[in-house]
Amino acid sequence: HSLSHWGTLVFLVSLAYIMERRFTENHRRLKVYSRELEDKSEQLEE
């Protein structure tokens, strides 16, 4: 039986995992940046 389509499934899962990691990392950086902005805003208010 052919197996290349199953290998393609594994490859697509790995690519989707990479994309998910990038989105998660960007979301984390956005949170950190937002938190920094909030801290600076509080400092400015003080």
ModelCIF file with pLDDT and N, C-alpha, C, O atoms, coordinates in Angstrom:
data_MODEL
#
_entry.id   MODEL 
#
_entity.id                         1 
_entity.type                       polymer 
_entity.pdbx_number_of_molecules   1 
#
_entity_poly.entity_id                      1 
_entity_poly.type                           'polypeptide(L)' 
_entity_poly.nstd_linkage                   no 
_entity_poly.nstd_monomer                   no 
_entity_poly.pdbx_seq_one_letter_code       HSLSHWGTLVFLVSLAYIMERRFTENHRRLKVYSRELEDKSEQLEE 
_entity_poly.pdbx_seq_one_letter_code_can   HSLSHWGTLVFLVSLAYIMERRFTENHRRLKVYSRELEDKSEQLEE 
_entity_poly.pdbx_strand_id                 A 
#
loop_
_entity_poly_seq.entity_id 
_entity_poly_seq.num 
_entity_poly_seq.mon_id 
_entity_poly_seq.hetero 
1 1  HIS n 
1 2  SER n 
1 3  LEU n 
1 4  SER n 
1 5  HIS n 
1 6  TRP n 
1 7  GLY n 
1 8  THR n 
1 9  LEU n 
1 10 VAL n 
1 11 PHE n 
1 12 LEU n 
1 13 VAL n 
1 14 SER n 
1 15 LEU n 
1 16 ALA n 
1 17 TYR n 
1 18 ILE n 
1 19 MET n 
1 20 GLU n 
1 21 ARG n 
1 22 ARG n 
1 23 PHE n 
1 24 THR n 
1 25 GLU n 
1 26 ASN n 
1 27 HIS n 
1 28 ARG n 
1 29 ARG n 
1 30 LEU n 
1 31 LYS n 
1 32 VAL n 
1 33 TYR n 
1 34 SER n 
1 35 ARG n 
1 36 GLU n 
1 37 LEU n 
1 38 GLU n 
1 39 ASP n 
1 40 LYS n 
1 41 SER n 
1 42 GLU n 
1 43 GLN n 
1 44 LEU n 
1 45 GLU n 
1 46 GLU n 
#
_struct_asym.id          A 
_struct_asym.entity_id   1 
#
loop_
_ma_qa_metric.id 
_ma_qa_metric.mode 
_ma_qa_metric.name 
_ma_qa_metric.software_group_id 
_ma_qa_metric.type 
1 global pLDDT . pLDDT 
2 local  pLDDT . pLDDT 
#
_ma_qa_metric_global.metric_id      1 
_ma_qa_metric_global.metric_value   82.28 
_ma_qa_metric_global.model_id       1 
_ma_qa_metric_global.ordinal_id     1 
#
loop_
_ma_qa_metric_local.label_asym_id 
_ma_qa_metric_local.label_comp_id 
_ma_qa_metric_local.label_seq_id 
_ma_qa_metric_local.metric_id 
_ma_qa_metric_local.metric_value 
_ma_qa_metric_local.model_id 
_ma_qa_metric_local.ordinal_id 
A HIS 1  2 72.00 1 1  
A SER 2  2 76.00 1 2  
A LEU 3  2 83.00 1 3  
A SER 4  2 84.00 1 4  
A HIS 5  2 85.00 1 5  
A TRP 6  2 89.00 1 6  
A GLY 7  2 87.00 1 7  
A THR 8  2 89.00 1 8  
A LEU 9  2 91.00 1 9  
A VAL 10 2 91.00 1 10 
A PHE 11 2 89.00 1 11 
A LEU 12 2 90.00 1 12 
A VAL 13 2 90.00 1 13 
A SER 14 2 88.00 1 14 
A LEU 15 2 88.00 1 15 
A ALA 16 2 87.00 1 16 
A TYR 17 2 87.00 1 17 
A ILE 18 2 85.00 1 18 
A MET 19 2 82.00 1 19 
A GLU 20 2 82.00 1 20 
A ARG 21 2 81.00 1 21 
A ARG 22 2 77.00 1 22 
A PHE 23 2 77.00 1 23 
A THR 24 2 78.00 1 24 
A GLU 25 2 78.00 1 25 
A ASN 26 2 73.00 1 26 
A HIS 27 2 75.00 1 27 
A ARG 28 2 80.00 1 28 
A ARG 29 2 78.00 1 29 
A LEU 30 2 79.00 1 30 
A LYS 31 2 80.00 1 31 
A VAL 32 2 82.00 1 32 
A TYR 33 2 81.00 1 33 
A SER 34 2 80.00 1 34 
A ARG 35 2 82.00 1 35 
A GLU 36 2 80.00 1 36 
A LEU 37 2 82.00 1 37 
A GLU 38 2 80.00 1 38 
A ASP 39 2 79.00 1 39 
A LYS 40 2 81.00 1 40 
A SER 41 2 80.00 1 41 
A GLU 42 2 80.00 1 42 
A GLN 43 2 82.00 1 43 
A LEU 44 2 83.00 1 44 
A GLU 45 2 81.00 1 45 
A GLU 46 2 81.00 1 46 
#
loop_
_atom_site.group_PDB 
_atom_site.id 
_atom_site.type_symbol 
_atom_site.label_atom_id 
_atom_site.label_alt_id 
_atom_site.label_comp_id 
_atom_site.label_asym_id 
_atom_site.label_entity_id 
_atom_site.label_seq_id 
_atom_site.pdbx_PDB_ins_code 
_atom_site.Cartn_x 
_atom_site.Cartn_y 
_atom_site.Cartn_z 
_atom_site.occupancy 
_atom_site.B_iso_or_equiv 
_atom_site.pdbx_formal_charge 
_atom_site.auth_seq_id 
_atom_site.auth_comp_id 
_atom_site.auth_asym_id 
_atom_site.auth_atom_id 
_atom_site.pdbx_PDB_model_num 
ATOM 1   N N  . HIS A 1 1  ? 0.844  -1.187 0.000  1.00 72.00 ? 1  HIS A N  1 
ATOM 2   C CA . HIS A 1 1  ? 0.000  0.000  0.000  1.00 72.00 ? 1  HIS A CA 1 
ATOM 3   C C  . HIS A 1 1  ? 0.884  1.244  0.000  1.00 72.00 ? 1  HIS A C  1 
ATOM 4   O O  . HIS A 1 1  ? 1.991  1.233  0.539  1.00 72.00 ? 1  HIS A O  1 
ATOM 5   N N  . SER A 1 2  ? 0.380  2.317  -0.613 1.00 76.00 ? 2  SER A N  1 
ATOM 6   C CA . SER A 1 2  ? 1.119  3.580  -0.655 1.00 76.00 ? 2  SER A CA 1 
ATOM 7   C C  . SER A 1 2  ? 1.092  4.256  0.711  1.00 76.00 ? 2  SER A C  1 
ATOM 8   O O  . SER A 1 2  ? 0.123  4.127  1.459  1.00 76.00 ? 2  SER A O  1 
ATOM 9   N N  . LEU A 1 3  ? 2.167  4.979  1.027  1.00 83.00 ? 3  LEU A N  1 
ATOM 10  C CA . LEU A 1 3  ? 2.285  5.643  2.320  1.00 83.00 ? 3  LEU A CA 1 
ATOM 11  C C  . LEU A 1 3  ? 2.527  7.142  2.207  1.00 83.00 ? 3  LEU A C  1 
ATOM 12  O O  . LEU A 1 3  ? 2.507  7.841  3.220  1.00 83.00 ? 3  LEU A O  1 
ATOM 13  N N  . SER A 1 4  ? 2.752  7.648  1.006  1.00 84.00 ? 4  SER A N  1 
ATOM 14  C CA . SER A 1 4  ? 3.145  9.052  0.870  1.00 84.00 ? 4  SER A CA 1 
ATOM 15  C C  . SER A 1 4  ? 2.069  9.998  1.382  1.00 84.00 ? 4  SER A C  1 
ATOM 16  O O  . SER A 1 4  ? 2.397  11.055 1.922  1.00 84.00 ? 4  SER A O  1 
ATOM 17  N N  . HIS A 1 5  ? 0.789  9.649  1.228  1.00 85.00 ? 5  HIS A N  1 
ATOM 18  C CA . HIS A 1 5  ? -0.262 10.542 1.719  1.00 85.00 ? 5  HIS A CA 1 
ATOM 19  C C  . HIS A 1 5  ? -0.263 10.597 3.244  1.00 85.00 ? 5  HIS A C  1 
ATOM 20  O O  . HIS A 1 5  ? -0.611 11.627 3.823  1.00 85.00 ? 5  HIS A O  1 
ATOM 21  N N  . TRP A 1 6  ? 0.126  9.492  3.908  1.00 89.00 ? 6  TRP A N  1 
ATOM 22  C CA . TRP A 1 6  ? 0.260  9.537  5.368  1.00 89.00 ? 6  TRP A CA 1 
ATOM 23  C C  . TRP A 1 6  ? 1.463  10.376 5.764  1.00 89.00 ? 6  TRP A C  1 
ATOM 24  O O  . TRP A 1 6  ? 1.413  11.106 6.754  1.00 89.00 ? 6  TRP A O  1 
ATOM 25  N N  . GLY A 1 7  ? 2.557  10.276 4.991  1.00 87.00 ? 7  GLY A N  1 
ATOM 26  C CA . GLY A 1 7  ? 3.697  11.148 5.246  1.00 87.00 ? 7  GLY A CA 1 
ATOM 27  C C  . GLY A 1 7  ? 3.335  12.610 5.058  1.00 87.00 ? 7  GLY A C  1 
ATOM 28  O O  . GLY A 1 7  ? 3.815  13.472 5.794  1.00 87.00 ? 7  GLY A O  1 
ATOM 29  N N  . THR A 1 8  ? 2.484  12.895 4.065  1.00 89.00 ? 8  THR A N  1 
ATOM 30  C CA . THR A 1 8  ? 2.023  14.266 3.855  1.00 89.00 ? 8  THR A CA 1 
ATOM 31  C C  . THR A 1 8  ? 1.208  14.750 5.041  1.00 89.00 ? 8  THR A C  1 
ATOM 32  O O  . THR A 1 8  ? 1.311  15.911 5.438  1.00 89.00 ? 8  THR A O  1 
ATOM 33  N N  . LEU A 1 9  ? 0.388  13.853 5.614  1.00 91.00 ? 9  LEU A N  1 
ATOM 34  C CA . LEU A 1 9  ? -0.375 14.219 6.810  1.00 91.00 ? 9  LEU A CA 1 
ATOM 35  C C  . LEU A 1 9  ? 0.556  14.621 7.948  1.00 91.00 ? 9  LEU A C  1 
ATOM 36  O O  . LEU A 1 9  ? 0.334  15.642 8.600  1.00 91.00 ? 9  LEU A O  1 
ATOM 37  N N  . VAL A 1 10 ? 1.599  13.825 8.191  1.00 91.00 ? 10 VAL A N  1 
ATOM 38  C CA . VAL A 1 10 ? 2.562  14.156 9.257  1.00 91.00 ? 10 VAL A CA 1 
ATOM 39  C C  . VAL A 1 10 ? 3.250  15.482 8.958  1.00 91.00 ? 10 VAL A C  1 
ATOM 40  O O  . VAL A 1 10 ? 3.444  16.299 9.858  1.00 91.00 ? 10 VAL A O  1 
ATOM 41  N N  . PHE A 1 11 ? 3.622  15.699 7.691  1.00 89.00 ? 11 PHE A N  1 
ATOM 42  C CA . PHE A 1 11 ? 4.299  16.931 7.313  1.00 89.00 ? 11 PHE A CA 1 
ATOM 43  C C  . PHE A 1 11 ? 3.390  18.136 7.518  1.00 89.00 ? 11 PHE A C  1 
ATOM 44  O O  . PHE A 1 11 ? 3.835  19.167 8.023  1.00 89.00 ? 11 PHE A O  1 
ATOM 45  N N  . LEU A 1 12 ? 2.115  18.018 7.129  1.00 90.00 ? 12 LEU A N  1 
ATOM 46  C CA . LEU A 1 12 ? 1.187  19.129 7.317  1.00 90.00 ? 12 LEU A CA 1 
ATOM 47  C C  . LEU A 1 12 ? 0.947  19.411 8.799  1.00 90.00 ? 12 LEU A C  1 
ATOM 48  O O  . LEU A 1 12 ? 0.801  20.567 9.197  1.00 90.00 ? 12 LEU A O  1 
ATOM 49  N N  . VAL A 1 13 ? 0.908  18.361 9.611  1.00 90.00 ? 13 VAL A N  1 
ATOM 50  C CA . VAL A 1 13 ? 0.763  18.569 11.049 1.00 90.00 ? 13 VAL A CA 1 
ATOM 51  C C  . VAL A 1 13 ? 1.970  19.325 11.599 1.00 90.00 ? 13 VAL A C  1 
ATOM 52  O O  . VAL A 1 13 ? 1.818  20.203 12.448 1.00 90.00 ? 13 VAL A O  1 
ATOM 53  N N  . SER A 1 14 ? 3.168  18.989 11.119 1.00 88.00 ? 14 SER A N  1 
ATOM 54  C CA . SER A 1 14 ? 4.370  19.704 11.572 1.00 88.00 ? 14 SER A CA 1 
ATOM 55  C C  . SER A 1 14 ? 4.324  21.167 11.138 1.00 88.00 ? 14 SER A C  1 
ATOM 56  O O  . SER A 1 14 ? 4.701  22.050 11.909 1.00 88.00 ? 14 SER A O  1 
ATOM 57  N N  . LEU A 1 15 ? 3.868  21.433 9.912  1.00 88.00 ? 15 LEU A N  1 
ATOM 58  C CA . LEU A 1 15 ? 3.751  22.819 9.461  1.00 88.00 ? 15 LEU A CA 1 
ATOM 59  C C  . LEU A 1 15 ? 2.696  23.571 10.264 1.00 88.00 ? 15 LEU A C  1 
ATOM 60  O O  . LEU A 1 15 ? 2.890  24.733 10.621 1.00 88.00 ? 15 LEU A O  1 
ATOM 61  N N  . ALA A 1 16 ? 1.572  22.901 10.547 1.00 87.00 ? 16 ALA A N  1 
ATOM 62  C CA . ALA A 1 16 ? 0.535  23.539 11.357 1.00 87.00 ? 16 ALA A CA 1 
ATOM 63  C C  . ALA A 1 16 ? 1.047  23.825 12.769 1.00 87.00 ? 16 ALA A C  1 
ATOM 64  O O  . ALA A 1 16 ? 0.704  24.843 13.369 1.00 87.00 ? 16 ALA A O  1 
ATOM 65  N N  . TYR A 1 17 ? 1.872  22.914 13.291 1.00 87.00 ? 17 TYR A N  1 
ATOM 66  C CA . TYR A 1 17 ? 2.443  23.135 14.620 1.00 87.00 ? 17 TYR A CA 1 
ATOM 67  C C  . TYR A 1 17 ? 3.386  24.339 14.604 1.00 87.00 ? 17 TYR A C  1 
ATOM 68  O O  . TYR A 1 17 ? 3.397  25.138 15.540 1.00 87.00 ? 17 TYR A O  1 
ATOM 69  N N  . ILE A 1 18 ? 4.172  24.463 13.537 1.00 85.00 ? 18 ILE A N  1 
ATOM 70  C CA . ILE A 1 18 ? 5.051  25.629 13.414 1.00 85.00 ? 18 ILE A CA 1 
ATOM 71  C C  . ILE A 1 18 ? 4.228  26.911 13.374 1.00 85.00 ? 18 ILE A C  1 
ATOM 72  O O  . ILE A 1 18 ? 4.559  27.891 14.041 1.00 85.00 ? 18 ILE A O  1 
ATOM 73  N N  . MET A 1 19 ? 3.150  26.896 12.586 1.00 82.00 ? 19 MET A N  1 
ATOM 74  C CA . MET A 1 19 ? 2.299  28.080 12.486 1.00 82.00 ? 19 MET A CA 1 
ATOM 75  C C  . MET A 1 19 ? 1.655  28.405 13.826 1.00 82.00 ? 19 MET A C  1 
ATOM 76  O O  . MET A 1 19 ? 1.548  29.571 14.206 1.00 82.00 ? 19 MET A O  1 
ATOM 77  N N  . GLU A 1 20 ? 1.223  27.363 14.545 1.00 82.00 ? 20 GLU A N  1 
ATOM 78  C CA . GLU A 1 20 ? 0.629  27.573 15.867 1.00 82.00 ? 20 GLU A CA 1 
ATOM 79  C C  . GLU A 1 20 ? 1.657  28.158 16.832 1.00 82.00 ? 20 GLU A C  1 
ATOM 80  O O  . GLU A 1 20 ? 1.333  29.048 17.619 1.00 82.00 ? 20 GLU A O  1 
ATOM 81  N N  . ARG A 1 21 ? 2.898  27.663 16.778 1.00 81.00 ? 21 ARG A N  1 
ATOM 82  C CA . ARG A 1 21 ? 3.953  28.213 17.641 1.00 81.00 ? 21 ARG A CA 1 
ATOM 83  C C  . ARG A 1 21 ? 4.206  29.683 17.320 1.00 81.00 ? 21 ARG A C  1 
ATOM 84  O O  . ARG A 1 21 ? 4.376  30.500 18.225 1.00 81.00 ? 21 ARG A O  1 
ATOM 85  N N  . ARG A 1 22 ? 4.231  30.017 16.033 1.00 77.00 ? 22 ARG A N  1 
ATOM 86  C CA . ARG A 1 22 ? 4.463  31.410 15.651 1.00 77.00 ? 22 ARG A CA 1 
ATOM 87  C C  . ARG A 1 22 ? 3.325  32.305 16.146 1.00 77.00 ? 22 ARG A C  1 
ATOM 88  O O  . ARG A 1 22 ? 3.563  33.396 16.662 1.00 77.00 ? 22 ARG A O  1 
ATOM 89  N N  . PHE A 1 23 ? 2.084  31.831 15.983 1.00 77.00 ? 23 PHE A N  1 
ATOM 90  C CA . PHE A 1 23 ? 0.960  32.617 16.477 1.00 77.00 ? 23 PHE A CA 1 
ATOM 91  C C  . PHE A 1 23 ? 1.025  32.773 17.994 1.00 77.00 ? 23 PHE A C  1 
ATOM 92  O O  . PHE A 1 23 ? 0.789  33.858 18.525 1.00 77.00 ? 23 PHE A O  1 
ATOM 93  N N  . THR A 1 24 ? 1.349  31.675 18.690 1.00 78.00 ? 24 THR A N  1 
ATOM 94  C CA . THR A 1 24 ? 1.440  31.727 20.149 1.00 78.00 ? 24 THR A CA 1 
ATOM 95  C C  . THR A 1 24 ? 2.554  32.667 20.592 1.00 78.00 ? 24 THR A C  1 
ATOM 96  O O  . THR A 1 24 ? 2.386  33.445 21.530 1.00 78.00 ? 24 THR A O  1 
ATOM 97  N N  . GLU A 1 25 ? 3.698  32.587 19.904 1.00 78.00 ? 25 GLU A N  1 
ATOM 98  C CA . GLU A 1 25 ? 4.817  33.474 20.250 1.00 78.00 ? 25 GLU A CA 1 
ATOM 99  C C  . GLU A 1 25 ? 4.466  34.929 19.984 1.00 78.00 ? 25 GLU A C  1 
ATOM 100 O O  . GLU A 1 25 ? 4.766  35.801 20.800 1.00 78.00 ? 25 GLU A O  1 
ATOM 101 N N  . ASN A 1 26 ? 3.834  35.195 18.851 1.00 73.00 ? 26 ASN A N  1 
ATOM 102 C CA . ASN A 1 26 ? 3.426  36.574 18.555 1.00 73.00 ? 26 ASN A CA 1 
ATOM 103 C C  . ASN A 1 26 ? 2.397  37.065 19.563 1.00 73.00 ? 26 ASN A C  1 
ATOM 104 O O  . ASN A 1 26 ? 2.424  38.223 19.980 1.00 73.00 ? 26 ASN A O  1 
ATOM 105 N N  . HIS A 1 27 ? 1.482  36.166 19.954 1.00 75.00 ? 27 HIS A N  1 
ATOM 106 C CA . HIS A 1 27 ? 0.489  36.546 20.962 1.00 75.00 ? 27 HIS A CA 1 
ATOM 107 C C  . HIS A 1 27 ? 1.155  36.831 22.297 1.00 75.00 ? 27 HIS A C  1 
ATOM 108 O O  . HIS A 1 27 ? 0.768  37.759 23.006 1.00 75.00 ? 27 HIS A O  1 
ATOM 109 N N  . ARG A 1 28 ? 2.174  36.018 22.643 1.00 80.00 ? 28 ARG A N  1 
ATOM 110 C CA . ARG A 1 28 ? 2.895  36.252 23.901 1.00 80.00 ? 28 ARG A CA 1 
ATOM 111 C C  . ARG A 1 28 ? 3.631  37.597 23.853 1.00 80.00 ? 28 ARG A C  1 
ATOM 112 O O  . ARG A 1 28 ? 3.600  38.367 24.814 1.00 80.00 ? 28 ARG A O  1 
ATOM 113 N N  . ARG A 1 29 ? 4.288  37.864 22.729 1.00 78.00 ? 29 ARG A N  1 
ATOM 114 C CA . ARG A 1 29 ? 4.999  39.138 22.593 1.00 78.00 ? 29 ARG A CA 1 
ATOM 115 C C  . ARG A 1 29 ? 4.030  40.309 22.644 1.00 78.00 ? 29 ARG A C  1 
ATOM 116 O O  . ARG A 1 29 ? 4.339  41.359 23.208 1.00 78.00 ? 29 ARG A O  1 
ATOM 117 N N  . LEU A 1 30 ? 2.864  40.122 22.054 1.00 79.00 ? 30 LEU A N  1 
ATOM 118 C CA . LEU A 1 30 ? 1.871  41.186 22.094 1.00 79.00 ? 30 LEU A CA 1 
ATOM 119 C C  . LEU A 1 30 ? 1.408  41.442 23.522 1.00 79.00 ? 30 LEU A C  1 
ATOM 120 O O  . LEU A 1 30 ? 1.201  42.588 23.922 1.00 79.00 ? 30 LEU A O  1 
ATOM 121 N N  . LYS A 1 31 ? 1.244  40.351 24.298 1.00 80.00 ? 31 LYS A N  1 
ATOM 122 C CA . LYS A 1 31 ? 0.870  40.505 25.696 1.00 80.00 ? 31 LYS A CA 1 
ATOM 123 C C  . LYS A 1 31 ? 1.952  41.238 26.471 1.00 80.00 ? 31 LYS A C  1 
ATOM 124 O O  . LYS A 1 31 ? 1.662  42.137 27.261 1.00 80.00 ? 31 LYS A O  1 
ATOM 125 N N  . VAL A 1 32 ? 3.224  40.842 26.238 1.00 82.00 ? 32 VAL A N  1 
ATOM 126 C CA . VAL A 1 32 ? 4.333  41.498 26.933 1.00 82.00 ? 32 VAL A CA 1 
ATOM 127 C C  . VAL A 1 32 ? 4.387  42.973 26.564 1.00 82.00 ? 32 VAL A C  1 
ATOM 128 O O  . VAL A 1 32 ? 4.579  43.830 27.427 1.00 82.00 ? 32 VAL A O  1 
ATOM 129 N N  . TYR A 1 33 ? 4.216  43.265 25.281 1.00 81.00 ? 33 TYR A N  1 
ATOM 130 C CA . TYR A 1 33 ? 4.239  44.659 24.829 1.00 81.00 ? 33 TYR A CA 1 
ATOM 131 C C  . TYR A 1 33 ? 3.074  45.440 25.426 1.00 81.00 ? 33 TYR A C  1 
ATOM 132 O O  . TYR A 1 33 ? 3.222  46.598 25.815 1.00 81.00 ? 33 TYR A O  1 
ATOM 133 N N  . SER A 1 34 ? 1.896  44.780 25.496 1.00 80.00 ? 34 SER A N  1 
ATOM 134 C CA . SER A 1 34 ? 0.733  45.438 26.088 1.00 80.00 ? 34 SER A CA 1 
ATOM 135 C C  . SER A 1 34 ? 0.949  45.707 27.568 1.00 80.00 ? 34 SER A C  1 
ATOM 136 O O  . SER A 1 34 ? 0.573  46.756 28.091 1.00 80.00 ? 34 SER A O  1 
ATOM 137 N N  . ARG A 1 35 ? 1.577  44.712 28.244 1.00 82.00 ? 35 ARG A N  1 
ATOM 138 C CA . ARG A 1 35 ? 1.850  44.902 29.669 1.00 82.00 ? 35 ARG A CA 1 
ATOM 139 C C  . ARG A 1 35 ? 2.843  46.040 29.877 1.00 82.00 ? 35 ARG A C  1 
ATOM 140 O O  . ARG A 1 35 ? 2.692  46.832 30.807 1.00 82.00 ? 35 ARG A O  1 
ATOM 141 N N  . GLU A 1 36 ? 3.858  46.128 29.019 1.00 80.00 ? 36 GLU A N  1 
ATOM 142 C CA . GLU A 1 36 ? 4.825  47.226 29.114 1.00 80.00 ? 36 GLU A CA 1 
ATOM 143 C C  . GLU A 1 36 ? 4.148  48.566 28.895 1.00 80.00 ? 36 GLU A C  1 
ATOM 144 O O  . GLU A 1 36 ? 4.440  49.548 29.578 1.00 80.00 ? 36 GLU A O  1 
ATOM 145 N N  . LEU A 1 37 ? 3.229  48.588 27.919 1.00 82.00 ? 37 LEU A N  1 
ATOM 146 C CA . LEU A 1 37 ? 2.505  49.842 27.695 1.00 82.00 ? 37 LEU A CA 1 
ATOM 147 C C  . LEU A 1 37 ? 1.657  50.212 28.899 1.00 82.00 ? 37 LEU A C  1 
ATOM 148 O O  . LEU A 1 37 ? 1.572  51.385 29.262 1.00 82.00 ? 37 LEU A O  1 
ATOM 149 N N  . GLU A 1 38 ? 1.021  49.211 29.529 1.00 80.00 ? 38 GLU A N  1 
ATOM 150 C CA . GLU A 1 38 ? 0.224  49.487 30.715 1.00 80.00 ? 38 GLU A CA 1 
ATOM 151 C C  . GLU A 1 38 ? 1.099  50.015 31.850 1.00 80.00 ? 38 GLU A C  1 
ATOM 152 O O  . GLU A 1 38 ? 0.725  50.957 32.549 1.00 80.00 ? 38 GLU A O  1 
ATOM 153 N N  . ASP A 1 39 ? 2.290  49.387 32.028 1.00 79.00 ? 39 ASP A N  1 
ATOM 154 C CA . ASP A 1 39 ? 3.203  49.861 33.078 1.00 79.00 ? 39 ASP A CA 1 
ATOM 155 C C  . ASP A 1 39 ? 3.641  51.295 32.813 1.00 79.00 ? 39 ASP A C  1 
ATOM 156 O O  . ASP A 1 39 ? 3.677  52.123 33.723 1.00 79.00 ? 39 ASP A O  1 
ATOM 157 N N  . LYS A 1 40 ? 3.972  51.577 31.565 1.00 81.00 ? 40 LYS A N  1 
ATOM 158 C CA . LYS A 1 40 ? 4.389  52.951 31.232 1.00 81.00 ? 40 LYS A CA 1 
ATOM 159 C C  . LYS A 1 40 ? 3.234  53.928 31.401 1.00 81.00 ? 40 LYS A C  1 
ATOM 160 O O  . LYS A 1 40 ? 3.425  55.072 31.815 1.00 81.00 ? 40 LYS A O  1 
ATOM 161 N N  . SER A 1 41 ? 2.026  53.456 31.071 1.00 80.00 ? 41 SER A N  1 
ATOM 162 C CA . SER A 1 41 ? 0.864  54.330 31.255 1.00 80.00 ? 41 SER A CA 1 
ATOM 163 C C  . SER A 1 41 ? 0.636  54.629 32.726 1.00 80.00 ? 41 SER A C  1 
ATOM 164 O O  . SER A 1 41 ? 0.328  55.759 33.106 1.00 80.00 ? 41 SER A O  1 
ATOM 165 N N  . GLU A 1 42 ? 0.795  53.583 33.559 1.00 80.00 ? 42 GLU A N  1 
ATOM 166 C CA . GLU A 1 42 ? 0.654  53.820 34.994 1.00 80.00 ? 42 GLU A CA 1 
ATOM 167 C C  . GLU A 1 42 ? 1.733  54.764 35.509 1.00 80.00 ? 42 GLU A C  1 
ATOM 168 O O  . GLU A 1 42 ? 1.455  55.623 36.346 1.00 80.00 ? 42 GLU A O  1 
ATOM 169 N N  . GLN A 1 43 ? 2.966  54.612 35.016 1.00 82.00 ? 43 GLN A N  1 
ATOM 170 C CA . GLN A 1 43 ? 4.043  55.518 35.419 1.00 82.00 ? 43 GLN A CA 1 
ATOM 171 C C  . GLN A 1 43 ? 3.731  56.945 35.000 1.00 82.00 ? 43 GLN A C  1 
ATOM 172 O O  . GLN A 1 43 ? 3.974  57.893 35.748 1.00 82.00 ? 43 GLN A O  1 
ATOM 173 N N  . LEU A 1 44 ? 3.188  57.087 33.791 1.00 83.00 ? 44 LEU A N  1 
ATOM 174 C CA . LEU A 1 44 ? 2.835  58.432 33.319 1.00 83.00 ? 44 LEU A CA 1 
ATOM 175 C C  . LEU A 1 44 ? 1.718  59.038 34.160 1.00 83.00 ? 44 LEU A C  1 
ATOM 176 O O  . LEU A 1 44 ? 1.734  60.229 34.472 1.00 83.00 ? 44 LEU A O  1 
ATOM 177 N N  . GLU A 1 45 ? 0.734  58.188 34.528 1.00 81.00 ? 45 GLU A N  1 
ATOM 178 C CA . GLU A 1 45 ? -0.341 58.691 35.364 1.00 81.00 ? 45 GLU A CA 1 
ATOM 179 C C  . GLU A 1 45 ? 0.188  59.119 36.737 1.00 81.00 ? 45 GLU A C  1 
ATOM 180 O O  . GLU A 1 45 ? -0.201 60.160 37.267 1.00 81.00 ? 45 GLU A O  1 
ATOM 181 N N  . GLU A 1 46 ? 1.086  58.294 37.306 1.00 81.00 ? 46 GLU A N  1 
ATOM 182 C CA . GLU A 1 46 ? 1.679  58.648 38.598 1.00 81.00 ? 46 GLU A CA 1 
ATOM 183 C C  . GLU A 1 46 ? 2.479  59.937 38.502 1.00 81.00 ? 46 GLU A C  1 
ATOM 184 O O  . GLU A 1 46 ? 3.048  60.386 39.497 1.00 81.00 ? 46 GLU A O  1 
#
